[in-house]
Amino acid sequence: MTDHGPAIRAKRAAYDAARAELFAEIRAALADNVGPSAIARDSNFTREYIGKIRDGKGPKDV
């Protein structure tokens, strides 16, 4: 049987890093007065979720 653990852990670390970068970019766009609708279209999130990120009610771990 193949040990998939190392690959899974590596992919999870890459996912966590990419997610953190995405949310940082969303916050930067909001700070530059890019509207929630434009960010939602580009990120494939809802305007409401972008609003939560803007208001500090989004994910706490990124």
PDB file of N, CA and C in Angstrom:
ATOM      1  N   MET A   1       0.842  -1.175   0.000  1.00  0.00           N
ATOM      2  CA  MET A   1       0.000   0.000   0.000  1.00  0.00           C
ATOM      3  C   MET A   1       0.896   1.252   0.000  1.00  0.00           C
ATOM      4  N   THR A   2       0.498   2.236  -0.767  1.00  0.00           N
ATOM      5  CA  THR A   2       1.234   3.491  -0.853  1.00  0.00           C
ATOM      6  C   THR A   2       0.909   4.380   0.332  1.00  0.00           C
ATOM      7  N   ASP A   3       1.917   5.026   0.870  1.00  0.00           N
ATOM      8  CA  ASP A   3       1.711   5.986   1.963  1.00  0.00           C
ATOM      9  C   ASP A   3       1.372   7.342   1.337  1.00  0.00           C
ATOM     10  N   HIS A   4       0.111   7.713   1.386  1.00  0.00           N
ATOM     11  CA  HIS A   4      -0.350   8.969   0.806  1.00  0.00           C
ATOM     12  C   HIS A   4      -0.206  10.147   1.766  1.00  0.00           C
ATOM     13  N   GLY A   5       0.140   9.857   2.997  1.00  0.00           N
ATOM     14  CA  GLY A   5       0.232  10.898   4.019  1.00  0.00           C
ATOM     15  C   GLY A   5       1.107  12.080   3.648  1.00  0.00           C
ATOM     16  N   PRO A   6       2.346  11.853   3.214  1.00  0.00           N
ATOM     17  CA  PRO A   6       3.201  12.989   2.877  1.00  0.00           C
ATOM     18  C   PRO A   6       2.617  13.861   1.760  1.00  0.00           C
ATOM     19  N   ALA A   7       2.040  13.240   0.750  1.00  0.00           N
ATOM     20  CA  ALA A   7       1.449  14.006  -0.356  1.00  0.00           C
ATOM     21  C   ALA A   7       0.238  14.798   0.124  1.00  0.00           C
ATOM     22  N   ILE A   8      -0.576  14.168   0.956  1.00  0.00           N
ATOM     23  CA  ILE A   8      -1.758  14.858   1.483  1.00  0.00           C
ATOM     24  C   ILE A   8      -1.336  16.046   2.337  1.00  0.00           C
ATOM     25  N   ARG A   9      -0.358  15.849   3.206  1.00  0.00           N
ATOM     26  CA  ARG A   9       0.105  16.953   4.054  1.00  0.00           C
ATOM     27  C   ARG A   9       0.703  18.088   3.220  1.00  0.00           C
ATOM     28  N   ALA A  10       1.437  17.746   2.177  1.00  0.00           N
ATOM     29  CA  ALA A  10       2.031  18.766   1.308  1.00  0.00           C
ATOM     30  C   ALA A  10       0.944  19.551   0.573  1.00  0.00           C
ATOM     31  N   LYS A  11      -0.061  18.840   0.070  1.00  0.00           N
ATOM     32  CA  LYS A  11      -1.166  19.519  -0.630  1.00  0.00           C
ATOM     33  C   LYS A  11      -1.956  20.400   0.328  1.00  0.00           C
ATOM     34  N   ARG A  12      -2.141  19.919   1.560  1.00  0.00           N
ATOM     35  CA  ARG A  12      -2.873  20.720   2.545  1.00  0.00           C
ATOM     36  C   ARG A  12      -2.100  21.991   2.869  1.00  0.00           C
ATOM     37  N   ALA A  13      -0.789  21.889   3.013  1.00  0.00           N
ATOM     38  CA  ALA A  13       0.035  23.069   3.284  1.00  0.00           C
ATOM     39  C   ALA A  13      -0.045  24.052   2.117  1.00  0.00           C
ATOM     40  N   ALA A  14      -0.021  23.540   0.897  1.00  0.00           N
ATOM     41  CA  ALA A  14      -0.137  24.409  -0.278  1.00  0.00           C
ATOM     42  C   ALA A  14      -1.505  25.070  -0.323  1.00  0.00           C
ATOM     43  N   TYR A  15      -2.550  24.321   0.002  1.00  0.00           N
ATOM     44  CA  TYR A  15      -3.916  24.865   0.047  1.00  0.00           C
ATOM     45  C   TYR A  15      -4.009  25.984   1.084  1.00  0.00           C
ATOM     46  N   ASP A  16      -3.485  25.738   2.274  1.00  0.00           N
ATOM     47  CA  ASP A  16      -3.539  26.747   3.332  1.00  0.00           C
ATOM     48  C   ASP A  16      -2.804  28.017   2.919  1.00  0.00           C
ATOM     49  N   ALA A  17      -1.652  27.865   2.280  1.00  0.00           N
ATOM     50  CA  ALA A  17      -0.878  29.030   1.832  1.00  0.00           C
ATOM     51  C   ALA A  17      -1.630  29.786   0.745  1.00  0.00           C
ATOM     52  N   ALA A  18      -2.192  29.067  -0.226  1.00  0.00           N
ATOM     53  CA  ALA A  18      -2.935  29.718  -1.307  1.00  0.00           C
ATOM     54  C   ALA A  18      -4.176  30.425  -0.764  1.00  0.00           C
ATOM     55  N   ARG A  19      -4.843  29.804   0.191  1.00  0.00           N
ATOM     56  CA  ARG A  19      -6.040  30.409   0.795  1.00  0.00           C
ATOM     57  C   ARG A  19      -5.672  31.699   1.528  1.00  0.00           C
ATOM     58  N   ALA A  20      -4.585  31.668   2.266  1.00  0.00           N
ATOM     59  CA  ALA A  20      -4.136  32.865   2.977  1.00  0.00           C
ATOM     60  C   ALA A  20      -3.797  33.980   1.995  1.00  0.00           C
ATOM     61  N   GLU A  21      -3.134  33.625   0.894  1.00  0.00           N
ATOM     62  CA  GLU A  21      -2.804  34.626  -0.127  1.00  0.00           C
ATOM     63  C   GLU A  21      -4.059  35.193  -0.772  1.00  0.00           C
ATOM     64  N   LEU A  22      -5.038  34.336  -1.048  1.00  0.00           N
ATOM     65  CA  LEU A  22      -6.297  34.791  -1.638  1.00  0.00           C
ATOM     66  C   LEU A  22      -7.003  35.784  -0.725  1.00  0.00           C
ATOM     67  N   PHE A  23      -7.114  35.459   0.548  1.00  0.00           N
ATOM     68  CA  PHE A  23      -7.820  36.350   1.462  1.00  0.00           C
ATOM     69  C   PHE A  23      -7.038  37.644   1.681  1.00  0.00           C
ATOM     70  N   ALA A  24      -5.732  37.581   1.666  1.00  0.00           N
ATOM     71  CA  ALA A  24      -4.932  38.805   1.760  1.00  0.00           C
ATOM     72  C   ALA A  24      -5.182  39.688   0.540  1.00  0.00           C
ATOM     73  N   GLU A  25      -5.265  39.079  -0.635  1.00  0.00           N
ATOM     74  CA  GLU A  25      -5.526  39.846  -1.856  1.00  0.00           C
ATOM     75  C   GLU A  25      -6.925  40.453  -1.844  1.00  0.00           C
ATOM     76  N   ILE A  26      -7.896  39.713  -1.331  1.00  0.00           N
ATOM     77  CA  ILE A  26      -9.258  40.245  -1.209  1.00  0.00           C
ATOM     78  C   ILE A  26      -9.262  41.446  -0.278  1.00  0.00           C
ATOM     79  N   ARG A  27      -8.591  41.332   0.867  1.00  0.00           N
ATOM     80  CA  ARG A  27      -8.535  42.464   1.795  1.00  0.00           C
ATOM     81  C   ARG A  27      -7.811  43.655   1.167  1.00  0.00           C
ATOM     82  N   ALA A  28      -6.759  43.399   0.388  1.00  0.00           N
ATOM     83  CA  ALA A  28      -6.033  44.479  -0.288  1.00  0.00           C
ATOM     84  C   ALA A  28      -6.928  45.156  -1.322  1.00  0.00           C
ATOM     85  N   ALA A  29      -7.692  44.365  -2.068  1.00  0.00           N
ATOM     86  CA  ALA A  29      -8.605  44.945  -3.051  1.00  0.00           C
ATOM     87  C   ALA A  29      -9.666  45.794  -2.362  1.00  0.00           C
ATOM     88  N   LEU A  30     -10.198  45.311  -1.263  1.00  0.00           N
ATOM     89  CA  LEU A  30     -11.180  46.099  -0.514  1.00  0.00           C
ATOM     90  C   LEU A  30     -10.563  47.406  -0.024  1.00  0.00           C
ATOM     91  N   ALA A  31      -9.328  47.338   0.453  1.00  0.00           N
ATOM     92  CA  ALA A  31      -8.636  48.550   0.929  1.00  0.00           C
ATOM     93  C   ALA A  31      -8.401  49.534  -0.203  1.00  0.00           C
ATOM     94  N   ASP A  32      -8.292  49.041  -1.435  1.00  0.00           N
ATOM     95  CA  ASP A  32      -8.118  49.901  -2.608  1.00  0.00           C
ATOM     96  C   ASP A  32      -9.455  50.311  -3.218  1.00  0.00           C
ATOM     97  N   ASN A  33     -10.530  50.103  -2.454  1.00  0.00           N
ATOM     98  CA  ASN A  33     -11.882  50.497  -2.851  1.00  0.00           C
ATOM     99  C   ASN A  33     -12.426  49.748  -4.062  1.00  0.00           C
ATOM    100  N   VAL A  34     -11.966  48.523  -4.272  1.00  0.00           N
ATOM    101  CA  VAL A  34     -12.592  47.659  -5.272  1.00  0.00           C
ATOM    102  C   VAL A  34     -13.887  47.154  -4.648  1.00  0.00           C
ATOM    103  N   GLY A  35     -14.966  47.212  -5.387  1.00  0.00           N
ATOM    104  CA  GLY A  35     -16.268  46.840  -4.848  1.00  0.00           C
ATOM    105  C   GLY A  35     -16.435  45.350  -4.628  1.00  0.00           C
ATOM    106  N   PRO A  36     -17.306  44.992  -3.688  1.00  0.00           N
ATOM    107  CA  PRO A  36     -17.559  43.582  -3.389  1.00  0.00           C
ATOM    108  C   PRO A  36     -18.047  42.785  -4.598  1.00  0.00           C
ATOM    109  N   SER A  37     -18.819  43.401  -5.475  1.00  0.00           N
ATOM    110  CA  SER A  37     -19.325  42.676  -6.644  1.00  0.00           C
ATOM    111  C   SER A  37     -18.194  42.276  -7.577  1.00  0.00           C
ATOM    112  N   ALA A  38     -17.262  43.185  -7.820  1.00  0.00           N
ATOM    113  CA  ALA A  38     -16.126  42.878  -8.693  1.00  0.00           C
ATOM    114  C   ALA A  38     -15.263  41.786  -8.082  1.00  0.00           C
ATOM    115  N   ILE A  39     -15.014  41.869  -6.789  1.00  0.00           N
ATOM    116  CA  ILE A  39     -14.208  40.854  -6.114  1.00  0.00           C
ATOM    117  C   ILE A  39     -14.937  39.515  -6.137  1.00  0.00           C
ATOM    118  N   ALA A  40     -16.241  39.541  -5.923  1.00  0.00           N
ATOM    119  CA  ALA A  40     -17.031  38.309  -5.944  1.00  0.00           C
ATOM    120  C   ALA A  40     -16.945  37.636  -7.309  1.00  0.00           C
ATOM    121  N   ARG A  41     -17.040  38.419  -8.370  1.00  0.00           N
ATOM    122  CA  ARG A  41     -16.933  37.834  -9.715  1.00  0.00           C
ATOM    123  C   ARG A  41     -15.573  37.185  -9.921  1.00  0.00           C
ATOM    124  N   ASP A  42     -14.519  37.860  -9.491  1.00  0.00           N
ATOM    125  CA  ASP A  42     -13.166  37.342  -9.697  1.00  0.00           C
ATOM    126  C   ASP A  42     -12.839  36.153  -8.801  1.00  0.00           C
ATOM    127  N   SER A  43     -13.419  36.110  -7.612  1.00  0.00           N
ATOM    128  CA  SER A  43     -13.075  35.067  -6.646  1.00  0.00           C
ATOM    129  C   SER A  43     -14.049  33.894  -6.634  1.00  0.00           C
ATOM    130  N   ASN A  44     -15.185  34.088  -7.289  1.00  0.00           N
ATOM    131  CA  ASN A  44     -16.248  33.083  -7.276  1.00  0.00           C
ATOM    132  C   ASN A  44     -16.837  32.892  -5.874  1.00  0.00           C
ATOM    133  N   PHE A  45     -16.743  33.949  -5.047  1.00  0.00           N
ATOM    134  CA  PHE A  45     -17.445  34.008  -3.769  1.00  0.00           C
ATOM    135  C   PHE A  45     -18.663  34.901  -3.964  1.00  0.00           C
ATOM    136  N   THR A  46     -19.587  34.859  -3.021  1.00  0.00           N
ATOM    137  CA  THR A  46     -20.742  35.748  -3.100  1.00  0.00           C
ATOM    138  C   THR A  46     -20.361  37.142  -2.602  1.00  0.00           C
ATOM    139  N   ARG A  47     -21.144  38.129  -3.024  1.00  0.00           N
ATOM    140  CA  ARG A  47     -20.948  39.495  -2.511  1.00  0.00           C
ATOM    141  C   ARG A  47     -21.098  39.510  -1.001  1.00  0.00           C
ATOM    142  N   GLU A  48     -22.022  38.705  -0.520  1.00  0.00           N
ATOM    143  CA  GLU A  48     -22.265  38.652   0.921  1.00  0.00           C
ATOM    144  C   GLU A  48     -21.037  38.132   1.671  1.00  0.00           C
ATOM    145  N   TYR A  49     -20.380  37.129   1.115  1.00  0.00           N
ATOM    146  CA  TYR A  49     -19.188  36.588   1.765  1.00  0.00           C
ATOM    147  C   TYR A  49     -18.054  37.606   1.725  1.00  0.00           C
ATOM    148  N   ILE A  50     -17.919  38.318   0.620  1.00  0.00           N
ATOM    149  CA  ILE A  50     -16.910  39.377   0.530  1.00  0.00           C
ATOM    150  C   ILE A  50     -17.213  40.446   1.574  1.00  0.00           C
ATOM    151  N   GLY A  51     -18.487  40.747   1.763  1.00  0.00           N
ATOM    152  CA  GLY A  51     -18.882  41.707   2.796  1.00  0.00           C
ATOM    153  C   GLY A  51     -18.495  41.235   4.186  1.00  0.00           C
ATOM    154  N   LYS A  52     -18.648  39.954   4.445  1.00  0.00           N
ATOM    155  CA  LYS A  52     -18.233  39.404   5.744  1.00  0.00           C
ATOM    156  C   LYS A  52     -16.728  39.549   5.931  1.00  0.00           C
ATOM    157  N   ILE A  53     -15.975  39.268   4.877  1.00  0.00           N
ATOM    158  CA  ILE A  53     -14.522  39.435   4.960  1.00  0.00           C
ATOM    159  C   ILE A  53     -14.203  40.905   5.247  1.00  0.00           C
ATOM    160  N   ARG A  54     -14.854  41.795   4.525  1.00  0.00           N
ATOM    161  CA  ARG A  54     -14.650  43.240   4.716  1.00  0.00           C
ATOM    162  C   ARG A  54     -14.959  43.658   6.153  1.00  0.00           C
ATOM    163  N   ASP A  55     -16.021  43.095   6.712  1.00  0.00           N
ATOM    164  CA  ASP A  55     -16.474  43.478   8.045  1.00  0.00           C
ATOM    165  C   ASP A  55     -15.784  42.701   9.167  1.00  0.00           C
ATOM    166  N   GLY A  56     -14.811  41.857   8.813  1.00  0.00           N
ATOM    167  CA  GLY A  56     -14.085  41.107   9.822  1.00  0.00           C
ATOM    168  C   GLY A  56     -14.848  39.908  10.357  1.00  0.00           C
ATOM    169  N   LYS A  57     -15.885  39.486   9.658  1.00  0.00           N
ATOM    170  CA  LYS A  57     -16.689  38.354  10.108  1.00  0.00           C
ATOM    171  C   LYS A  57     -16.471  37.123   9.256  1.00  0.00           C
ATOM    172  N   GLY A  58     -15.449  37.174   8.411  1.00  0.00           N
ATOM    173  CA  GLY A  58     -15.106  36.036   7.559  1.00  0.00           C
ATOM    174  C   GLY A  58     -14.252  35.053   8.331  1.00  0.00           C
ATOM    175  N   PRO A  59     -13.479  34.261   7.612  1.00  0.00           N
ATOM    176  CA  PRO A  59     -12.652  33.249   8.274  1.00  0.00           C
ATOM    177  C   PRO A  59     -11.633  33.895   9.211  1.00  0.00           C
ATOM    178  N   LYS A  60     -11.473  33.314  10.364  1.00  0.00           N
ATOM    179  CA  LYS A  60     -10.584  33.873  11.386  1.00  0.00           C
ATOM    180  C   LYS A  60      -9.146  33.395  11.247  1.00  0.00           C
ATOM    181  N   ASP A  61      -8.951  32.303  10.524  1.00  0.00           N
ATOM    182  CA  ASP A  61      -7.628  31.688  10.480  1.00  0.00           C
ATOM    183  C   ASP A  61      -6.775  32.145   9.301  1.00  0.00           C
ATOM    184  N   VAL A  62      -7.237  33.123   8.543  1.00  0.00           N
ATOM    185  CA  VAL A  62      -6.427  33.630   7.422  1.00  0.00           C
ATOM    186  C   VAL A  62      -6.238  35.120   7.514  1.00  0.00           C
TER     187      VAL A  62
END
